[in-house]
Amino acid sequence: MITGLTLDYETADRITTLNLTDCRKTLREQLEKFNSGAYVHPDDVVYNTRLVLAMDVVLSYFGVTE
């Protein structure tokens, strides 16, 4: 078990943006599949659409535009 791990703010921000960018990409791919006719649960479509928009806002805070 690792304890006491310390990261500088730049590294922590970079890890955060990489994780959010990867998650947003996956959600967008799922929504594209839905738009192409693949089945996605209707609740997931609504939630994932909102989640992508929220991630866009958070990522823009960190300076990630796309």
PDB file of N, CA and C in Angstrom:
ATOM      1  N   MET A   1       0.837  -1.174   0.000  1.00  0.00           N
ATOM      2  CA  MET A   1       0.000   0.000   0.000  1.00  0.00           C
ATOM      3  C   MET A   1       0.886   1.242   0.000  1.00  0.00           C
ATOM      4  N   ILE A   2       0.629   2.118  -0.947  1.00  0.00           N
ATOM      5  CA  ILE A   2       1.396   3.353  -1.052  1.00  0.00           C
ATOM      6  C   ILE A   2       0.696   4.428  -0.233  1.00  0.00           C
ATOM      7  N   THR A   3       1.448   5.098   0.598  1.00  0.00           N
ATOM      8  CA  THR A   3       0.885   6.210   1.357  1.00  0.00           C
ATOM      9  C   THR A   3       1.805   7.409   1.218  1.00  0.00           C
ATOM     10  N   GLY A   4       1.228   8.579   1.360  1.00  0.00           N
ATOM     11  CA  GLY A   4       2.044   9.778   1.340  1.00  0.00           C
ATOM     12  C   GLY A   4       2.518  10.204  -0.032  1.00  0.00           C
ATOM     13  N   LEU A   5       1.829   9.790  -1.077  1.00  0.00           N
ATOM     14  CA  LEU A   5       2.202  10.185  -2.427  1.00  0.00           C
ATOM     15  C   LEU A   5       1.890  11.667  -2.607  1.00  0.00           C
ATOM     16  N   THR A   6       2.861  12.410  -3.079  1.00  0.00           N
ATOM     17  CA  THR A   6       2.677  13.839  -3.282  1.00  0.00           C
ATOM     18  C   THR A   6       2.965  14.179  -4.736  1.00  0.00           C
ATOM     19  N   LEU A   7       2.050  14.922  -5.341  1.00  0.00           N
ATOM     20  CA  LEU A   7       2.209  15.372  -6.715  1.00  0.00           C
ATOM     21  C   LEU A   7       2.139  16.887  -6.748  1.00  0.00           C
ATOM     22  N   ASP A   8       2.902  17.484  -7.646  1.00  0.00           N
ATOM     23  CA  ASP A   8       2.765  18.920  -7.818  1.00  0.00           C
ATOM     24  C   ASP A   8       1.456  19.191  -8.568  1.00  0.00           C
ATOM     25  N   TYR A   9       1.004  20.437  -8.514  1.00  0.00           N
ATOM     26  CA  TYR A   9      -0.285  20.785  -9.115  1.00  0.00           C
ATOM     27  C   TYR A   9      -0.325  20.553 -10.620  1.00  0.00           C
ATOM     28  N   GLU A  10       0.775  20.810 -11.301  1.00  0.00           N
ATOM     29  CA  GLU A  10       0.790  20.603 -12.752  1.00  0.00           C
ATOM     30  C   GLU A  10       0.576  19.143 -13.102  1.00  0.00           C
ATOM     31  N   THR A  11       1.222  18.255 -12.375  1.00  0.00           N
ATOM     32  CA  THR A  11       1.070  16.823 -12.628  1.00  0.00           C
ATOM     33  C   THR A  11      -0.344  16.359 -12.304  1.00  0.00           C
ATOM     34  N   ALA A  12      -0.865  16.805 -11.183  1.00  0.00           N
ATOM     35  CA  ALA A  12      -2.230  16.436 -10.799  1.00  0.00           C
ATOM     36  C   ALA A  12      -3.242  16.944 -11.830  1.00  0.00           C
ATOM     37  N   ASP A  13      -3.066  18.175 -12.289  1.00  0.00           N
ATOM     38  CA  ASP A  13      -3.960  18.722 -13.314  1.00  0.00           C
ATOM     39  C   ASP A  13      -3.861  17.934 -14.605  1.00  0.00           C
ATOM     40  N   ARG A  14      -2.660  17.545 -14.986  1.00  0.00           N
ATOM     41  CA  ARG A  14      -2.468  16.779 -16.227  1.00  0.00           C
ATOM     42  C   ARG A  14      -3.139  15.414 -16.132  1.00  0.00           C
ATOM     43  N   ILE A  15      -2.996  14.749 -14.989  1.00  0.00           N
ATOM     44  CA  ILE A  15      -3.655  13.452 -14.790  1.00  0.00           C
ATOM     45  C   ILE A  15      -5.167  13.619 -14.882  1.00  0.00           C
ATOM     46  N   THR A  16      -5.688  14.655 -14.240  1.00  0.00           N
ATOM     47  CA  THR A  16      -7.123  14.925 -14.260  1.00  0.00           C
ATOM     48  C   THR A  16      -7.622  15.146 -15.682  1.00  0.00           C
ATOM     49  N   THR A  17      -6.925  15.990 -16.444  1.00  0.00           N
ATOM     50  CA  THR A  17      -7.380  16.284 -17.807  1.00  0.00           C
ATOM     51  C   THR A  17      -7.276  15.064 -18.708  1.00  0.00           C
ATOM     52  N   LEU A  18      -6.238  14.260 -18.541  1.00  0.00           N
ATOM     53  CA  LEU A  18      -6.113  13.047 -19.355  1.00  0.00           C
ATOM     54  C   LEU A  18      -7.252  12.073 -19.065  1.00  0.00           C
ATOM     55  N   ASN A  19      -7.578  11.885 -17.795  1.00  0.00           N
ATOM     56  CA  ASN A  19      -8.683  10.983 -17.425  1.00  0.00           C
ATOM     57  C   ASN A  19     -10.017  11.493 -17.955  1.00  0.00           C
ATOM     58  N   LEU A  20     -10.283  12.786 -17.772  1.00  0.00           N
ATOM     59  CA  LEU A  20     -11.549  13.345 -18.250  1.00  0.00           C
ATOM     60  C   LEU A  20     -11.645  13.305 -19.774  1.00  0.00           C
ATOM     61  N   THR A  21     -10.547  13.601 -20.456  1.00  0.00           N
ATOM     62  CA  THR A  21     -10.540  13.578 -21.916  1.00  0.00           C
ATOM     63  C   THR A  21     -10.807  12.168 -22.436  1.00  0.00           C
ATOM     64  N   ASP A  22     -10.191  11.174 -21.802  1.00  0.00           N
ATOM     65  CA  ASP A  22     -10.395   9.789 -22.221  1.00  0.00           C
ATOM     66  C   ASP A  22     -11.837   9.348 -21.966  1.00  0.00           C
ATOM     67  N   CYS A  23     -12.377   9.695 -20.820  1.00  0.00           N
ATOM     68  CA  CYS A  23     -13.763   9.337 -20.501  1.00  0.00           C
ATOM     69  C   CYS A  23     -14.731  10.020 -21.461  1.00  0.00           C
ATOM     70  N   ARG A  24     -14.504  11.294 -21.744  1.00  0.00           N
ATOM     71  CA  ARG A  24     -15.367  12.036 -22.669  1.00  0.00           C
ATOM     72  C   ARG A  24     -15.328  11.405 -24.057  1.00  0.00           C
ATOM     73  N   LYS A  25     -14.154  10.977 -24.492  1.00  0.00           N
ATOM     74  CA  LYS A  25     -14.010  10.338 -25.796  1.00  0.00           C
ATOM     75  C   LYS A  25     -14.843   9.051 -25.851  1.00  0.00           C
ATOM     76  N   THR A  26     -14.764   8.252 -24.794  1.00  0.00           N
ATOM     77  CA  THR A  26     -15.524   7.001 -24.736  1.00  0.00           C
ATOM     78  C   THR A  26     -17.030   7.265 -24.771  1.00  0.00           C
ATOM     79  N   LEU A  27     -17.480   8.264 -24.002  1.00  0.00           N
ATOM     80  CA  LEU A  27     -18.901   8.593 -23.991  1.00  0.00           C
ATOM     81  C   LEU A  27     -19.363   9.092 -25.357  1.00  0.00           C
ATOM     82  N   ARG A  28     -18.556   9.904 -25.995  1.00  0.00           N
ATOM     83  CA  ARG A  28     -18.911  10.394 -27.331  1.00  0.00           C
ATOM     84  C   ARG A  28     -19.012   9.251 -28.330  1.00  0.00           C
ATOM     85  N   GLU A  29     -18.095   8.286 -28.234  1.00  0.00           N
ATOM     86  CA  GLU A  29     -18.141   7.127 -29.131  1.00  0.00           C
ATOM     87  C   GLU A  29     -19.428   6.341 -28.916  1.00  0.00           C
ATOM     88  N   GLN A  30     -19.836   6.169 -27.662  1.00  0.00           N
ATOM     89  CA  GLN A  30     -21.085   5.458 -27.373  1.00  0.00           C
ATOM     90  C   GLN A  30     -22.283   6.215 -27.937  1.00  0.00           C
ATOM     91  N   LEU A  31     -22.268   7.533 -27.817  1.00  0.00           N
ATOM     92  CA  LEU A  31     -23.373   8.334 -28.360  1.00  0.00           C
ATOM     93  C   LEU A  31     -23.393   8.294 -29.887  1.00  0.00           C
ATOM     94  N   GLU A  32     -22.219   8.253 -30.511  1.00  0.00           N
ATOM     95  CA  GLU A  32     -22.158   8.126 -31.970  1.00  0.00           C
ATOM     96  C   GLU A  32     -22.730   6.785 -32.415  1.00  0.00           C
ATOM     97  N   LYS A  33     -22.425   5.715 -31.678  1.00  0.00           N
ATOM     98  CA  LYS A  33     -22.983   4.396 -31.998  1.00  0.00           C
ATOM     99  C   LYS A  33     -24.499   4.426 -31.873  1.00  0.00           C
ATOM    100  N   PHE A  34     -24.989   5.092 -30.828  1.00  0.00           N
ATOM    101  CA  PHE A  34     -26.440   5.227 -30.656  1.00  0.00           C
ATOM    102  C   PHE A  34     -27.048   5.960 -31.846  1.00  0.00           C
ATOM    103  N   ASN A  35     -26.404   7.042 -32.269  1.00  0.00           N
ATOM    104  CA  ASN A  35     -26.904   7.813 -33.412  1.00  0.00           C
ATOM    105  C   ASN A  35     -26.842   7.021 -34.710  1.00  0.00           C
ATOM    106  N   SER A  36     -25.991   5.989 -34.735  1.00  0.00           N
ATOM    107  CA  SER A  36     -25.882   5.132 -35.921  1.00  0.00           C
ATOM    108  C   SER A  36     -26.825   3.933 -35.850  1.00  0.00           C
ATOM    109  N   GLY A  37     -27.627   3.864 -34.804  1.00  0.00           N
ATOM    110  CA  GLY A  37     -28.615   2.799 -34.720  1.00  0.00           C
ATOM    111  C   GLY A  37     -28.357   1.742 -33.670  1.00  0.00           C
ATOM    112  N   ALA A  38     -27.236   1.797 -32.973  1.00  0.00           N
ATOM    113  CA  ALA A  38     -26.956   0.804 -31.937  1.00  0.00           C
ATOM    114  C   ALA A  38     -27.829   1.066 -30.723  1.00  0.00           C
ATOM    115  N   TYR A  39     -28.138  -0.004 -29.988  1.00  0.00           N
ATOM    116  CA  TYR A  39     -28.977   0.162 -28.810  1.00  0.00           C
ATOM    117  C   TYR A  39     -28.148   0.706 -27.651  1.00  0.00           C
ATOM    118  N   VAL A  40     -28.640   1.742 -27.050  1.00  0.00           N
ATOM    119  CA  VAL A  40     -28.122   2.280 -25.794  1.00  0.00           C
ATOM    120  C   VAL A  40     -29.355   2.601 -24.959  1.00  0.00           C
ATOM    121  N   HIS A  41     -29.318   2.253 -23.701  1.00  0.00           N
ATOM    122  CA  HIS A  41     -30.475   2.508 -22.836  1.00  0.00           C
ATOM    123  C   HIS A  41     -30.800   3.994 -22.870  1.00  0.00           C
ATOM    124  N   PRO A  42     -32.076   4.330 -23.032  1.00  0.00           N
ATOM    125  CA  PRO A  42     -32.472   5.741 -23.154  1.00  0.00           C
ATOM    126  C   PRO A  42     -31.986   6.632 -22.005  1.00  0.00           C
ATOM    127  N   ASP A  43     -31.995   6.099 -20.778  1.00  0.00           N
ATOM    128  CA  ASP A  43     -31.500   6.890 -19.644  1.00  0.00           C
ATOM    129  C   ASP A  43     -30.011   7.198 -19.801  1.00  0.00           C
ATOM    130  N   ASP A  44     -29.259   6.240 -20.366  1.00  0.00           N
ATOM    131  CA  ASP A  44     -27.826   6.443 -20.567  1.00  0.00           C
ATOM    132  C   ASP A  44     -27.562   7.523 -21.615  1.00  0.00           C
ATOM    133  N   VAL A  45     -28.409   7.574 -22.621  1.00  0.00           N
ATOM    134  CA  VAL A  45     -28.237   8.596 -23.659  1.00  0.00           C
ATOM    135  C   VAL A  45     -28.376   9.987 -23.042  1.00  0.00           C
ATOM    136  N   VAL A  46     -29.413  10.182 -22.252  1.00  0.00           N
ATOM    137  CA  VAL A  46     -29.639  11.484 -21.614  1.00  0.00           C
ATOM    138  C   VAL A  46     -28.503  11.802 -20.652  1.00  0.00           C
ATOM    139  N   TYR A  47     -28.180  10.859 -19.785  1.00  0.00           N
ATOM    140  CA  TYR A  47     -27.138  11.083 -18.777  1.00  0.00           C
ATOM    141  C   TYR A  47     -25.780  11.333 -19.430  1.00  0.00           C
ATOM    142  N   ASN A  48     -25.419  10.511 -20.412  1.00  0.00           N
ATOM    143  CA  ASN A  48     -24.112  10.656 -21.056  1.00  0.00           C
ATOM    144  C   ASN A  48     -24.002  11.958 -21.829  1.00  0.00           C
ATOM    145  N   THR A  49     -25.093  12.392 -22.435  1.00  0.00           N
ATOM    146  CA  THR A  49     -25.085  13.675 -23.141  1.00  0.00           C
ATOM    147  C   THR A  49     -24.816  14.809 -22.165  1.00  0.00           C
ATOM    148  N   ARG A  50     -25.495  14.789 -21.028  1.00  0.00           N
ATOM    149  CA  ARG A  50     -25.274  15.815 -20.000  1.00  0.00           C
ATOM    150  C   ARG A  50     -23.859  15.724 -19.430  1.00  0.00           C
ATOM    151  N   LEU A  51     -23.382  14.520 -19.248  1.00  0.00           N
ATOM    152  CA  LEU A  51     -22.045  14.321 -18.690  1.00  0.00           C
ATOM    153  C   LEU A  51     -20.972  14.859 -19.625  1.00  0.00           C
ATOM    154  N   VAL A  52     -21.119  14.636 -20.915  1.00  0.00           N
ATOM    155  CA  VAL A  52     -20.157  15.162 -21.887  1.00  0.00           C
ATOM    156  C   VAL A  52     -20.141  16.688 -21.837  1.00  0.00           C
ATOM    157  N   LEU A  53     -21.312  17.300 -21.766  1.00  0.00           N
ATOM    158  CA  LEU A  53     -21.379  18.761 -21.683  1.00  0.00           C
ATOM    159  C   LEU A  53     -20.708  19.271 -20.405  1.00  0.00           C
ATOM    160  N   ALA A  54     -20.923  18.579 -19.296  1.00  0.00           N
ATOM    161  CA  ALA A  54     -20.292  18.974 -18.037  1.00  0.00           C
ATOM    162  C   ALA A  54     -18.773  18.813 -18.117  1.00  0.00           C
ATOM    163  N   MET A  55     -18.321  17.731 -18.737  1.00  0.00           N
ATOM    164  CA  MET A  55     -16.876  17.530 -18.896  1.00  0.00           C
ATOM    165  C   MET A  55     -16.271  18.620 -19.766  1.00  0.00           C
ATOM    166  N   ASP A  56     -17.009  19.056 -20.778  1.00  0.00           N
ATOM    167  CA  ASP A  56     -16.531  20.162 -21.613  1.00  0.00           C
ATOM    168  C   ASP A  56     -16.274  21.409 -20.771  1.00  0.00           C
ATOM    169  N   VAL A  57     -17.184  21.687 -19.836  1.00  0.00           N
ATOM    170  CA  VAL A  57     -17.044  22.859 -18.972  1.00  0.00           C
ATOM    171  C   VAL A  57     -15.808  22.703 -18.070  1.00  0.00           C
ATOM    172  N   VAL A  58     -15.679  21.549 -17.448  1.00  0.00           N
ATOM    173  CA  VAL A  58     -14.550  21.326 -16.536  1.00  0.00           C
ATOM    174  C   VAL A  58     -13.234  21.363 -17.311  1.00  0.00           C
ATOM    175  N   LEU A  59     -13.199  20.711 -18.464  1.00  0.00           N
ATOM    176  CA  LEU A  59     -11.965  20.701 -19.252  1.00  0.00           C
ATOM    177  C   LEU A  59     -11.598  22.090 -19.743  1.00  0.00           C
ATOM    178  N   SER A  60     -12.586  22.906 -20.059  1.00  0.00           N
ATOM    179  CA  SER A  60     -12.277  24.276 -20.489  1.00  0.00           C
ATOM    180  C   SER A  60     -11.657  25.074 -19.346  1.00  0.00           C
ATOM    181  N   TYR A  61     -12.042  24.764 -18.111  1.00  0.00           N
ATOM    182  CA  TYR A  61     -11.421  25.397 -16.945  1.00  0.00           C
ATOM    183  C   TYR A  61      -9.918  25.106 -16.921  1.00  0.00           C
ATOM    184  N   PHE A  62      -9.554  23.875 -17.293  1.00  0.00           N
ATOM    185  CA  PHE A  62      -8.152  23.483 -17.305  1.00  0.00           C
ATOM    186  C   PHE A  62      -7.443  23.894 -18.596  1.00  0.00           C
ATOM    187  N   GLY A  63      -8.156  24.544 -19.502  1.00  0.00           N
ATOM    188  CA  GLY A  63      -7.541  25.016 -20.740  1.00  0.00           C
ATOM    189  C   GLY A  63      -7.564  24.021 -21.872  1.00  0.00           C
ATOM    190  N   VAL A  64      -8.315  22.943 -21.736  1.00  0.00           N
ATOM    191  CA  VAL A  64      -8.436  21.931 -22.795  1.00  0.00           C
ATOM    192  C   VAL A  64      -9.635  22.318 -23.650  1.00  0.00           C
ATOM    193  N   THR A  65      -9.383  22.592 -24.922  1.00  0.00           N
ATOM    194  CA  THR A  65     -10.484  22.997 -25.798  1.00  0.00           C
ATOM    195  C   THR A  65     -11.046  21.827 -26.584  1.00  0.00           C
ATOM    196  N   GLU A  66     -10.254  20.858 -26.922  1.00  0.00           N
ATOM    197  CA  GLU A  66     -10.745  19.691 -27.660  1.00  0.00           C
ATOM    198  C   GLU A  66      -9.787  18.562 -27.586  1.00  0.00           C
TER     199      GLU A  66
END
